[in-house]
N, C-alpha and C. Protein backbone atom coordinates (compact mmCIF):
# COMPACT_ATOMS: atom_id res chain seq x y z
N MET A 1 -24.89 -23.28 14.43
CA MET A 1 -24.09 -22.30 13.89
C MET A 1 -24.63 -20.74 13.80
N THR A 2 -23.82 -19.70 13.67
CA THR A 2 -24.32 -18.69 13.74
C THR A 2 -23.85 -18.42 12.14
N LYS A 3 -24.63 -17.79 11.15
CA LYS A 3 -24.16 -17.65 9.98
C LYS A 3 -24.13 -15.95 10.01
N VAL A 4 -22.95 -15.76 9.45
CA VAL A 4 -22.16 -14.38 9.25
C VAL A 4 -21.99 -14.14 7.79
N GLY A 5 -22.40 -12.91 7.49
CA GLY A 5 -22.16 -12.55 6.12
C GLY A 5 -21.16 -11.10 6.18
N ILE A 6 -20.11 -11.79 5.34
CA ILE A 6 -18.89 -10.53 5.71
C ILE A 6 -18.97 -9.94 4.23
N LEU A 7 -18.96 -8.47 4.49
CA LEU A 7 -18.79 -7.30 3.40
C LEU A 7 -17.48 -6.69 3.79
N GLY A 8 -16.79 -6.82 2.89
CA GLY A 8 -15.37 -6.19 3.08
C GLY A 8 -15.27 -5.07 2.11
N GLY A 9 -14.28 -4.33 2.17
CA GLY A 9 -14.31 -3.02 1.43
C GLY A 9 -13.35 -1.97 1.99
N THR A 10 -13.00 -0.83 1.13
CA THR A 10 -12.45 0.16 1.70
C THR A 10 -13.47 1.00 2.31
N PHE A 11 -14.64 1.48 2.01
CA PHE A 11 -15.86 2.00 2.82
C PHE A 11 -14.92 3.45 3.12
N ASP A 12 -14.70 3.96 1.93
CA ASP A 12 -13.93 5.38 1.68
C ASP A 12 -14.66 6.51 0.50
N PRO A 13 -15.99 6.73 1.09
CA PRO A 13 -16.91 6.57 2.16
C PRO A 13 -17.88 5.44 2.14
N PRO A 14 -18.35 4.86 3.27
CA PRO A 14 -19.36 4.05 3.17
C PRO A 14 -20.75 4.43 2.67
N HIS A 15 -21.45 3.85 2.23
CA HIS A 15 -23.11 4.52 1.19
C HIS A 15 -24.05 3.61 1.12
N TYR A 16 -25.16 4.21 0.80
CA TYR A 16 -25.90 3.31 0.78
C TYR A 16 -26.07 2.13 -0.15
N GLY A 17 -25.31 2.16 -1.28
CA GLY A 17 -25.21 0.59 -1.85
C GLY A 17 -24.52 -0.30 -0.97
N HIS A 18 -23.86 -0.17 -0.02
CA HIS A 18 -23.13 -1.05 0.86
C HIS A 18 -24.36 -1.71 1.98
N LEU A 19 -24.96 -0.64 2.47
CA LEU A 19 -26.07 -0.79 3.38
C LEU A 19 -27.20 -1.88 2.67
N LEU A 20 -27.47 -1.63 1.43
CA LEU A 20 -28.45 -2.05 0.71
C LEU A 20 -28.11 -3.63 0.39
N ILE A 21 -26.93 -3.61 -0.26
CA ILE A 21 -26.19 -5.14 -0.12
C ILE A 21 -26.03 -5.90 0.85
N ALA A 22 -25.74 -5.42 1.96
CA ALA A 22 -25.93 -6.04 3.28
C ALA A 22 -27.12 -6.51 3.58
N ASN A 23 -28.08 -5.58 3.65
CA ASN A 23 -29.71 -5.71 3.74
C ASN A 23 -30.03 -6.95 3.30
N GLU A 24 -29.76 -6.80 2.05
CA GLU A 24 -30.69 -7.79 0.89
C GLU A 24 -30.04 -9.50 1.19
N VAL A 25 -28.44 -9.48 1.49
CA VAL A 25 -27.80 -10.48 1.61
C VAL A 25 -28.52 -11.20 3.10
N LEU A 26 -28.55 -10.24 4.01
CA LEU A 26 -28.92 -10.88 5.39
C LEU A 26 -30.26 -11.31 5.37
N SER A 27 -31.25 -10.67 4.75
CA SER A 27 -32.68 -11.23 4.67
C SER A 27 -32.82 -12.33 3.79
N LYS A 28 -32.05 -12.40 2.45
CA LYS A 28 -32.60 -13.53 1.52
C LYS A 28 -31.81 -14.68 1.84
N LEU A 29 -30.61 -14.65 2.90
CA LEU A 29 -29.92 -16.03 3.15
C LEU A 29 -30.04 -16.19 4.55
N ASN A 30 -31.28 -15.63 5.28
CA ASN A 30 -31.62 -15.59 6.39
C ASN A 30 -30.25 -15.85 7.35
N LEU A 31 -29.36 -14.80 7.26
CA LEU A 31 -28.25 -14.87 8.16
C LEU A 31 -28.58 -14.17 9.35
N ASP A 32 -27.72 -14.48 10.44
CA ASP A 32 -27.75 -13.92 11.82
C ASP A 32 -27.11 -12.53 11.76
N GLU A 33 -26.04 -12.06 11.15
CA GLU A 33 -25.45 -10.91 11.05
C GLU A 33 -24.82 -10.79 9.77
N ILE A 34 -24.35 -9.48 9.59
CA ILE A 34 -23.24 -8.67 8.63
C ILE A 34 -22.15 -8.00 9.34
N TRP A 35 -21.14 -8.54 8.77
CA TRP A 35 -19.91 -7.83 9.86
C TRP A 35 -19.17 -7.16 8.46
N PHE A 36 -19.10 -5.89 8.64
CA PHE A 36 -18.58 -4.86 7.93
C PHE A 36 -16.91 -4.77 8.00
N MET A 37 -16.22 -5.12 7.13
CA MET A 37 -14.96 -5.09 7.41
C MET A 37 -13.95 -4.50 6.53
N PRO A 38 -13.58 -3.25 6.91
CA PRO A 38 -12.81 -2.37 6.41
C PRO A 38 -11.39 -3.01 6.01
N ASN A 39 -10.80 -2.71 4.99
CA ASN A 39 -9.57 -3.44 4.54
C ASN A 39 -8.39 -2.42 4.92
N GLN A 40 -7.08 -3.06 5.30
CA GLN A 40 -5.96 -2.32 5.65
C GLN A 40 -5.43 -1.87 4.26
N GLU A 41 -5.22 -2.38 3.47
CA GLU A 41 -4.49 -2.24 2.35
C GLU A 41 -4.99 -3.43 1.27
N PRO A 42 -5.92 -3.21 0.60
CA PRO A 42 -6.54 -3.99 -0.34
C PRO A 42 -5.64 -4.32 -1.48
N PRO A 43 -5.60 -5.56 -1.65
CA PRO A 43 -4.63 -5.78 -3.18
C PRO A 43 -5.05 -5.25 -4.49
N HIS A 44 -6.43 -5.18 -4.51
CA HIS A 44 -6.73 -4.93 -5.97
C HIS A 44 -7.14 -3.45 -6.24
N LYS A 45 -7.30 -2.74 -5.08
CA LYS A 45 -7.38 -0.95 -5.50
C LYS A 45 -7.02 -0.40 -4.14
N ARG A 46 -7.03 0.88 -4.78
CA ARG A 46 -6.46 2.09 -3.62
C ARG A 46 -7.53 2.47 -2.72
N LYS A 47 -7.17 2.78 -1.61
CA LYS A 47 -8.13 3.72 -0.99
C LYS A 47 -7.34 4.88 -0.69
N SER A 48 -8.30 6.36 -0.60
CA SER A 48 -8.01 7.55 -0.87
C SER A 48 -6.64 7.85 0.37
N GLU A 49 -5.47 8.45 0.03
CA GLU A 49 -4.32 8.77 0.82
C GLU A 49 -4.93 9.38 1.96
N SER A 50 -5.89 10.70 2.13
CA SER A 50 -6.05 11.64 2.41
C SER A 50 -7.25 11.23 3.94
N VAL A 51 -7.51 9.88 3.78
CA VAL A 51 -8.50 9.55 4.94
C VAL A 51 -7.84 8.56 5.81
N GLU A 52 -8.13 8.76 6.96
CA GLU A 52 -7.46 7.73 7.99
C GLU A 52 -8.25 6.59 8.33
N ASN A 53 -7.73 5.75 8.71
CA ASN A 53 -8.56 4.40 9.20
C ASN A 53 -9.82 4.77 10.23
N ILE A 54 -9.08 5.57 11.13
CA ILE A 54 -10.28 5.72 11.96
C ILE A 54 -11.40 7.08 11.75
N ASP A 55 -11.34 7.55 10.80
CA ASP A 55 -12.44 8.22 9.89
C ASP A 55 -13.16 7.01 8.99
N ARG A 56 -12.66 6.03 8.34
CA ARG A 56 -13.36 5.40 7.85
C ARG A 56 -14.35 4.49 8.98
N LEU A 57 -13.40 4.39 9.97
CA LEU A 57 -14.13 3.15 11.29
C LEU A 57 -15.36 4.19 11.70
N GLN A 58 -15.08 5.56 11.74
CA GLN A 58 -16.16 6.49 12.57
C GLN A 58 -17.70 6.43 11.10
N MET A 59 -16.91 6.80 10.06
CA MET A 59 -18.23 6.72 9.18
C MET A 59 -18.97 5.58 9.22
N LEU A 60 -18.27 4.30 9.15
CA LEU A 60 -18.84 2.91 8.96
C LEU A 60 -19.96 2.90 10.17
N GLU A 61 -19.22 3.31 11.33
CA GLU A 61 -20.13 3.23 12.70
C GLU A 61 -21.58 4.08 12.68
N LEU A 62 -21.43 5.23 11.83
CA LEU A 62 -22.37 6.09 11.87
C LEU A 62 -23.35 5.47 10.59
N SER A 63 -22.99 4.82 9.79
CA SER A 63 -23.73 4.26 8.62
C SER A 63 -24.65 2.95 9.01
N ILE A 64 -24.02 2.46 10.33
CA ILE A 64 -24.67 1.06 10.51
C ILE A 64 -25.51 1.33 12.07
N LYS A 65 -25.17 2.16 12.62
CA LYS A 65 -25.87 2.64 13.95
C LYS A 65 -27.62 2.44 13.59
N GLY A 66 -28.07 1.79 14.68
CA GLY A 66 -29.41 1.25 14.66
C GLY A 66 -29.85 0.15 14.02
N ASN A 67 -28.78 -0.74 13.33
CA ASN A 67 -29.11 -2.05 12.68
C ASN A 67 -28.41 -3.18 13.87
N SER A 68 -29.10 -3.82 14.53
CA SER A 68 -28.56 -4.70 15.56
C SER A 68 -28.04 -6.02 14.95
N ALA A 69 -28.15 -6.00 13.69
CA ALA A 69 -27.62 -7.20 12.82
C ALA A 69 -26.48 -6.86 12.20
N PHE A 70 -26.05 -5.66 12.11
CA PHE A 70 -24.78 -5.12 11.85
C PHE A 70 -23.60 -5.08 12.63
N ARG A 71 -22.65 -5.40 12.33
CA ARG A 71 -21.46 -4.86 13.29
C ARG A 71 -20.12 -4.77 12.41
N ILE A 72 -19.20 -4.02 12.98
CA ILE A 72 -17.79 -3.96 12.49
C ILE A 72 -16.64 -5.08 12.69
N GLU A 73 -16.14 -5.65 11.71
CA GLU A 73 -14.94 -6.28 12.19
C GLU A 73 -13.56 -5.89 11.77
N LYS A 74 -13.02 -5.91 12.72
CA LYS A 74 -11.61 -4.59 12.63
C LYS A 74 -10.35 -5.61 12.20
N ASN A 75 -10.63 -6.99 12.20
CA ASN A 75 -9.30 -7.84 11.84
C ASN A 75 -8.53 -7.55 10.81
N GLU A 76 -8.80 -7.08 9.74
CA GLU A 76 -7.71 -6.66 8.61
C GLU A 76 -7.18 -5.08 8.83
N LEU A 77 -7.95 -4.17 10.11
CA LEU A 77 -7.35 -3.03 10.45
C LEU A 77 -6.39 -3.34 11.22
N GLU A 78 -6.19 -4.76 12.19
CA GLU A 78 -5.39 -4.65 13.22
C GLU A 78 -3.86 -5.54 12.38
N ARG A 79 -4.11 -5.71 11.43
CA ARG A 79 -2.73 -6.21 10.63
C ARG A 79 -2.33 -5.10 9.75
N SER A 80 -0.80 -5.36 9.40
CA SER A 80 -0.31 -4.42 8.50
C SER A 80 -0.11 -5.22 7.21
N GLY A 81 0.29 -4.44 6.05
CA GLY A 81 0.47 -4.96 4.72
C GLY A 81 -1.00 -5.75 4.11
N PRO A 82 -0.91 -5.95 2.66
CA PRO A 82 -2.10 -6.22 2.19
C PRO A 82 -3.14 -7.10 2.64
N SER A 83 -4.32 -6.87 2.70
CA SER A 83 -5.63 -7.60 3.30
C SER A 83 -5.93 -9.09 2.27
N PHE A 84 -5.21 -9.90 2.60
CA PHE A 84 -5.64 -10.96 1.65
C PHE A 84 -6.69 -11.72 2.78
N THR A 85 -7.85 -11.90 1.93
CA THR A 85 -8.95 -12.48 2.43
C THR A 85 -8.81 -14.06 2.69
N VAL A 86 -7.91 -15.02 2.39
CA VAL A 86 -7.50 -16.25 2.84
C VAL A 86 -6.76 -15.94 4.06
N ASP A 87 -6.14 -15.08 4.32
CA ASP A 87 -5.48 -14.81 5.84
C ASP A 87 -6.41 -14.38 6.83
N THR A 88 -7.40 -13.74 6.24
CA THR A 88 -8.48 -13.17 7.44
C THR A 88 -9.33 -14.28 7.60
N MET A 89 -9.70 -15.21 6.77
CA MET A 89 -10.67 -16.02 7.01
C MET A 89 -10.16 -17.19 7.75
N LYS A 90 -9.19 -17.27 7.74
CA LYS A 90 -8.34 -18.39 8.55
C LYS A 90 -8.10 -17.89 10.11
N ILE A 91 -8.09 -16.50 10.22
CA ILE A 91 -8.14 -16.08 11.76
C ILE A 91 -9.63 -16.12 11.96
N LEU A 92 -10.71 -15.84 11.18
CA LEU A 92 -11.93 -15.53 11.85
C LEU A 92 -12.57 -17.07 11.89
N ASN A 93 -12.09 -17.96 11.24
CA ASN A 93 -12.58 -19.26 11.69
C ASN A 93 -11.95 -20.00 12.85
N GLU A 94 -10.77 -19.41 12.91
CA GLU A 94 -10.22 -20.16 14.26
C GLU A 94 -10.81 -19.42 15.41
N ARG A 95 -10.94 -18.15 15.52
CA ARG A 95 -11.47 -17.28 16.58
C ARG A 95 -13.22 -17.33 16.89
N TYR A 96 -13.88 -17.85 15.70
CA TYR A 96 -15.39 -18.02 16.01
C TYR A 96 -15.18 -19.67 15.30
N PRO A 97 -15.28 -20.57 15.83
CA PRO A 97 -15.38 -21.96 15.42
C PRO A 97 -16.79 -22.21 15.48
N ASN A 98 -17.82 -21.73 15.73
CA ASN A 98 -19.21 -22.03 15.80
C ASN A 98 -20.04 -20.97 14.76
N HIS A 99 -18.95 -20.42 14.39
CA HIS A 99 -19.87 -19.55 12.70
C HIS A 99 -19.66 -20.17 11.65
N GLN A 100 -20.19 -19.99 10.58
CA GLN A 100 -20.39 -20.20 9.37
C GLN A 100 -20.27 -18.70 8.74
N PHE A 101 -19.29 -18.76 7.56
CA PHE A 101 -19.05 -17.13 6.86
C PHE A 101 -19.55 -17.32 5.53
N PHE A 102 -20.13 -16.05 5.29
CA PHE A 102 -20.34 -16.00 3.68
C PHE A 102 -19.91 -14.74 3.38
N PHE A 103 -18.89 -14.96 2.44
CA PHE A 103 -18.23 -13.87 1.96
C PHE A 103 -18.85 -12.97 0.97
N ILE A 104 -19.27 -11.95 1.05
CA ILE A 104 -20.07 -11.49 -0.04
C ILE A 104 -19.19 -10.52 -1.07
N ILE A 105 -19.52 -10.75 -2.43
CA ILE A 105 -18.64 -10.08 -3.46
C ILE A 105 -19.45 -9.57 -4.58
N GLY A 106 -19.31 -8.42 -5.24
CA GLY A 106 -19.53 -7.96 -6.24
C GLY A 106 -19.34 -8.70 -7.76
N ALA A 107 -20.13 -8.73 -8.83
CA ALA A 107 -19.88 -9.05 -9.86
C ALA A 107 -18.43 -9.19 -10.55
N ASP A 108 -17.82 -7.68 -10.24
CA ASP A 108 -16.60 -7.38 -10.83
C ASP A 108 -15.59 -8.18 -9.77
N MET A 109 -15.67 -8.45 -8.70
CA MET A 109 -14.77 -9.57 -8.11
C MET A 109 -15.00 -11.35 -8.24
N ILE A 110 -16.18 -11.40 -8.84
CA ILE A 110 -16.49 -12.74 -9.39
C ILE A 110 -15.64 -13.23 -10.60
N GLU A 111 -15.47 -11.94 -11.55
CA GLU A 111 -14.66 -12.12 -12.71
C GLU A 111 -13.32 -12.32 -12.23
N TYR A 112 -12.61 -11.70 -11.31
CA TYR A 112 -11.74 -11.47 -10.54
C TYR A 112 -11.16 -12.48 -10.03
N LEU A 113 -12.02 -13.72 -9.41
CA LEU A 113 -11.91 -14.76 -8.46
C LEU A 113 -10.69 -15.58 -8.91
N PRO A 114 -10.20 -15.97 -10.24
CA PRO A 114 -9.21 -16.72 -10.19
C PRO A 114 -8.06 -15.92 -10.35
N LYS A 115 -7.82 -14.74 -10.09
CA LYS A 115 -6.52 -14.25 -9.65
C LYS A 115 -6.63 -14.03 -7.86
N TRP A 116 -7.56 -14.16 -7.25
CA TRP A 116 -7.12 -14.03 -5.75
C TRP A 116 -6.27 -14.61 -5.32
N HIS A 117 -5.45 -14.33 -4.33
CA HIS A 117 -4.54 -15.06 -3.54
C HIS A 117 -4.83 -16.21 -3.15
N LYS A 118 -4.44 -17.50 -3.28
CA LYS A 118 -4.83 -18.66 -2.50
C LYS A 118 -6.40 -19.03 -2.73
N VAL A 119 -7.01 -18.70 -3.98
CA VAL A 119 -8.59 -18.89 -3.59
C VAL A 119 -8.85 -20.40 -3.75
N ASP A 120 -8.10 -21.21 -4.10
CA ASP A 120 -8.44 -22.58 -4.00
C ASP A 120 -8.49 -23.01 -2.65
N GLU A 121 -7.58 -22.32 -1.89
CA GLU A 121 -7.45 -22.56 -0.32
C GLU A 121 -8.69 -21.91 0.31
N LEU A 122 -9.16 -20.74 -0.06
CA LEU A 122 -10.13 -19.73 0.34
C LEU A 122 -11.41 -20.58 -0.05
N ILE A 123 -11.67 -20.97 -0.78
CA ILE A 123 -13.09 -21.53 -1.16
C ILE A 123 -13.64 -22.68 -0.02
N LYS A 124 -12.52 -23.26 0.71
CA LYS A 124 -12.88 -23.95 1.78
C LYS A 124 -12.90 -23.63 3.09
N LEU A 125 -12.72 -22.12 3.08
CA LEU A 125 -12.95 -21.33 4.54
C LEU A 125 -14.12 -20.99 4.36
N VAL A 126 -15.07 -20.30 3.34
CA VAL A 126 -15.83 -19.71 3.23
C VAL A 126 -16.56 -19.71 1.69
N GLN A 127 -18.13 -19.65 2.30
CA GLN A 127 -18.89 -19.71 1.15
C GLN A 127 -19.26 -18.05 0.65
N PHE A 128 -18.65 -18.15 -0.75
CA PHE A 128 -18.90 -16.89 -1.63
C PHE A 128 -20.23 -16.70 -1.97
N VAL A 129 -20.65 -15.44 -1.82
CA VAL A 129 -21.90 -14.88 -2.12
C VAL A 129 -21.92 -13.84 -3.13
N GLY A 130 -22.47 -14.01 -4.33
CA GLY A 130 -22.32 -12.97 -5.52
C GLY A 130 -23.27 -11.93 -5.60
N VAL A 131 -23.26 -11.14 -5.74
CA VAL A 131 -24.17 -9.93 -6.02
C VAL A 131 -23.96 -9.40 -7.26
N GLN A 132 -25.25 -9.34 -8.08
CA GLN A 132 -25.12 -9.13 -9.66
C GLN A 132 -24.86 -8.02 -9.99
N ARG A 133 -24.17 -7.53 -10.94
CA ARG A 133 -24.16 -6.07 -11.39
C ARG A 133 -24.26 -6.24 -13.07
N PRO A 134 -25.11 -5.49 -13.61
CA PRO A 134 -25.40 -5.81 -14.71
C PRO A 134 -24.16 -5.54 -15.76
N GLU A 135 -23.07 -4.84 -15.69
CA GLU A 135 -22.00 -4.43 -16.63
C GLU A 135 -21.01 -5.70 -16.24
N TYR A 136 -21.13 -6.71 -15.39
CA TYR A 136 -20.08 -7.63 -15.19
C TYR A 136 -20.56 -9.28 -15.56
N SER A 137 -19.99 -9.94 -15.96
CA SER A 137 -20.34 -11.20 -16.02
C SER A 137 -20.34 -12.01 -14.71
N SER A 138 -21.24 -13.01 -14.43
CA SER A 138 -21.20 -13.92 -13.10
C SER A 138 -20.85 -15.49 -13.29
N LYS A 139 -20.47 -15.52 -14.35
CA LYS A 139 -19.85 -16.75 -14.73
C LYS A 139 -18.66 -16.93 -14.02
N THR A 140 -18.78 -18.34 -13.65
CA THR A 140 -17.67 -18.62 -12.86
C THR A 140 -17.38 -20.17 -12.54
N ASP A 141 -16.52 -20.88 -12.53
CA ASP A 141 -16.23 -22.10 -11.96
C ASP A 141 -16.30 -22.01 -10.49
N TYR A 142 -16.06 -21.21 -9.62
CA TYR A 142 -16.24 -21.39 -8.48
C TYR A 142 -17.77 -21.44 -7.69
N PRO A 143 -17.76 -22.40 -6.36
CA PRO A 143 -19.14 -22.14 -5.83
C PRO A 143 -19.55 -21.14 -5.26
N ILE A 144 -20.56 -20.45 -5.87
CA ILE A 144 -21.24 -19.31 -5.46
C ILE A 144 -22.51 -18.99 -5.19
N ILE A 145 -23.05 -18.62 -4.08
CA ILE A 145 -24.56 -18.40 -4.17
C ILE A 145 -24.89 -17.09 -4.70
N TYR A 146 -25.92 -17.09 -5.44
CA TYR A 146 -26.25 -15.55 -5.96
C TYR A 146 -27.02 -14.80 -5.25
N VAL A 147 -27.21 -13.76 -5.08
CA VAL A 147 -28.25 -13.01 -4.59
C VAL A 147 -28.62 -11.77 -5.42
N ASP A 148 -29.87 -11.48 -5.73
CA ASP A 148 -30.27 -10.43 -6.37
C ASP A 148 -30.30 -9.28 -5.52
N VAL A 149 -29.68 -8.19 -5.92
CA VAL A 149 -30.15 -6.88 -5.34
C VAL A 149 -30.48 -5.95 -6.01
N PRO A 150 -31.46 -5.03 -5.51
CA PRO A 150 -32.06 -3.87 -6.59
C PRO A 150 -30.81 -2.99 -7.18
N ALA A 151 -30.65 -2.52 -8.15
CA ALA A 151 -29.59 -1.63 -8.81
C ALA A 151 -29.66 -0.46 -7.80
N PHE A 152 -28.42 -0.11 -7.66
CA PHE A 152 -28.30 1.19 -7.18
C PHE A 152 -26.78 1.55 -7.49
N ASP A 153 -26.79 2.39 -8.71
CA ASP A 153 -25.61 2.54 -9.00
C ASP A 153 -24.54 3.84 -8.26
N VAL A 154 -24.05 3.37 -7.43
CA VAL A 154 -23.17 4.33 -6.46
C VAL A 154 -21.77 4.09 -6.01
N SER A 155 -20.69 4.52 -5.71
CA SER A 155 -19.71 3.97 -5.52
C SER A 155 -18.91 5.07 -4.88
N SER A 156 -18.02 4.48 -3.74
CA SER A 156 -17.36 5.45 -2.98
C SER A 156 -16.44 6.53 -3.95
N SER A 157 -15.95 6.22 -5.17
CA SER A 157 -14.96 6.88 -5.95
C SER A 157 -16.04 8.14 -6.61
N MET A 158 -17.16 7.62 -6.82
CA MET A 158 -17.99 8.44 -7.47
C MET A 158 -18.54 9.68 -6.20
N ILE A 159 -18.55 9.12 -5.19
CA ILE A 159 -19.01 9.92 -4.08
C ILE A 159 -17.85 11.16 -3.75
N ARG A 160 -16.56 10.62 -3.63
CA ARG A 160 -15.44 11.67 -3.45
C ARG A 160 -15.26 12.66 -4.43
N GLU A 161 -15.50 12.13 -5.86
CA GLU A 161 -15.53 13.29 -7.05
C GLU A 161 -16.43 14.11 -6.73
N ARG A 162 -17.76 13.77 -6.32
CA ARG A 162 -18.70 14.66 -6.28
C ARG A 162 -18.59 15.63 -5.07
N VAL A 163 -18.00 15.04 -3.92
CA VAL A 163 -17.52 15.98 -2.55
C VAL A 163 -16.77 16.93 -3.19
N GLN A 164 -15.58 16.54 -3.98
CA GLN A 164 -14.28 17.26 -4.37
C GLN A 164 -15.12 18.50 -5.24
N GLN A 165 -15.90 18.30 -5.99
CA GLN A 165 -16.69 19.22 -6.93
C GLN A 165 -17.94 20.13 -6.40
N GLY A 166 -18.04 19.99 -5.16
CA GLY A 166 -19.15 20.87 -4.41
C GLY A 166 -20.26 20.40 -4.94
N MET A 167 -20.55 18.95 -5.44
CA MET A 167 -21.97 18.65 -5.74
C MET A 167 -22.24 17.99 -4.56
N THR A 168 -23.91 17.76 -4.80
CA THR A 168 -24.63 16.87 -3.77
C THR A 168 -24.31 15.61 -3.68
N VAL A 169 -24.43 14.71 -2.28
CA VAL A 169 -24.02 13.57 -2.13
C VAL A 169 -25.71 13.19 -1.50
N ARG A 170 -26.36 14.14 -1.22
CA ARG A 170 -27.66 13.71 -0.67
C ARG A 170 -28.16 12.18 -1.23
N TYR A 171 -28.86 11.54 -0.21
CA TYR A 171 -29.86 10.20 -0.60
C TYR A 171 -28.44 9.18 -1.28
N LEU A 172 -27.34 9.79 -1.14
CA LEU A 172 -26.20 8.61 -1.74
C LEU A 172 -25.68 7.82 -0.50
N LEU A 173 -25.85 8.60 0.51
CA LEU A 173 -25.08 7.93 1.82
C LEU A 173 -25.77 8.74 3.21
N PRO A 174 -25.58 8.06 4.28
CA PRO A 174 -26.45 8.72 5.41
C PRO A 174 -25.86 10.09 5.41
N ASP A 175 -27.12 10.89 6.05
CA ASP A 175 -26.53 12.30 6.59
C ASP A 175 -25.63 12.43 7.61
N SER A 176 -25.70 11.51 8.17
CA SER A 176 -24.81 11.30 9.41
C SER A 176 -23.28 11.40 8.90
N VAL A 177 -22.98 10.71 7.69
CA VAL A 177 -21.99 10.48 7.12
C VAL A 177 -21.47 11.87 6.53
N ILE A 178 -22.32 12.30 5.95
CA ILE A 178 -22.22 13.71 5.23
C ILE A 178 -21.53 14.53 6.12
N ASP A 179 -22.65 14.92 7.04
CA ASP A 179 -21.83 15.44 8.07
C ASP A 179 -20.48 15.29 8.80
N PHE A 180 -20.33 14.17 8.67
CA PHE A 180 -19.19 13.74 9.45
C PHE A 180 -17.88 13.97 8.56
N ILE A 181 -18.56 14.04 7.22
CA ILE A 181 -16.96 14.48 6.04
C ILE A 181 -17.09 16.01 5.83
N ARG A 182 -18.24 16.84 6.08
CA ARG A 182 -17.95 18.20 6.28
C ARG A 182 -17.30 18.90 7.41
N GLU A 183 -17.62 18.21 8.54
CA GLU A 183 -17.00 18.49 9.94
C GLU A 183 -15.60 18.36 9.83
N ASN A 184 -15.03 17.15 9.19
CA ASN A 184 -13.81 16.75 9.45
C ASN A 184 -13.03 17.24 7.97
N HIS A 185 -13.65 17.91 7.03
CA HIS A 185 -13.01 18.34 5.85
C HIS A 185 -12.59 16.95 5.10
N LEU A 186 -13.20 16.35 5.08
CA LEU A 186 -12.44 14.80 4.21
C LEU A 186 -12.92 15.11 2.49
N TYR A 187 -11.93 14.45 1.84
CA TYR A 187 -12.10 14.56 0.42
C TYR A 187 -12.23 15.82 -0.34
N GLY A 188 -11.50 16.56 0.53
CA GLY A 188 -11.38 18.09 -0.21
C GLY A 188 -12.26 19.21 0.30
N THR A 189 -13.27 18.99 1.23
CA THR A 189 -14.37 19.73 1.69
C THR A 189 -13.61 20.82 2.59
């Protein structure tokens, strides 16, 4: 069985926090790969309206370049409507019957799990991996493997705000992504 971690998100833009989480889970759980899976339409949060999916994909490709264990899974971008994880995992389990999937979520999503679409069906399709965050509770009745990740308090919304305000985002995301944001005038640059 190939062991694959799935890290979903808007990646609007992708940043070092995403890469740190992916690398720590990959290493600590001895996984074979991490698949970054950009959402089409996340049911619980909004992506920025000004950035196209193609831009998010390009930024993600730039972010993971050079790490052979990282790849992009476009399943949710190939479908319209809300990106419900249960639907995605049904498709991935059918496509890859020799893979075991580990779905990586932050502590904010651990608290929200009872409200996930068909969560009781979903827990039969995937092993959840919870990443601790100090401001959230990680208590749940659902089966979760916990992985400690060094604290790195950065978010895509914070980066978008900093870019819009003309503030530096250096060391928050890869230089290649910063260059892409500037060259393509994303987030109000």
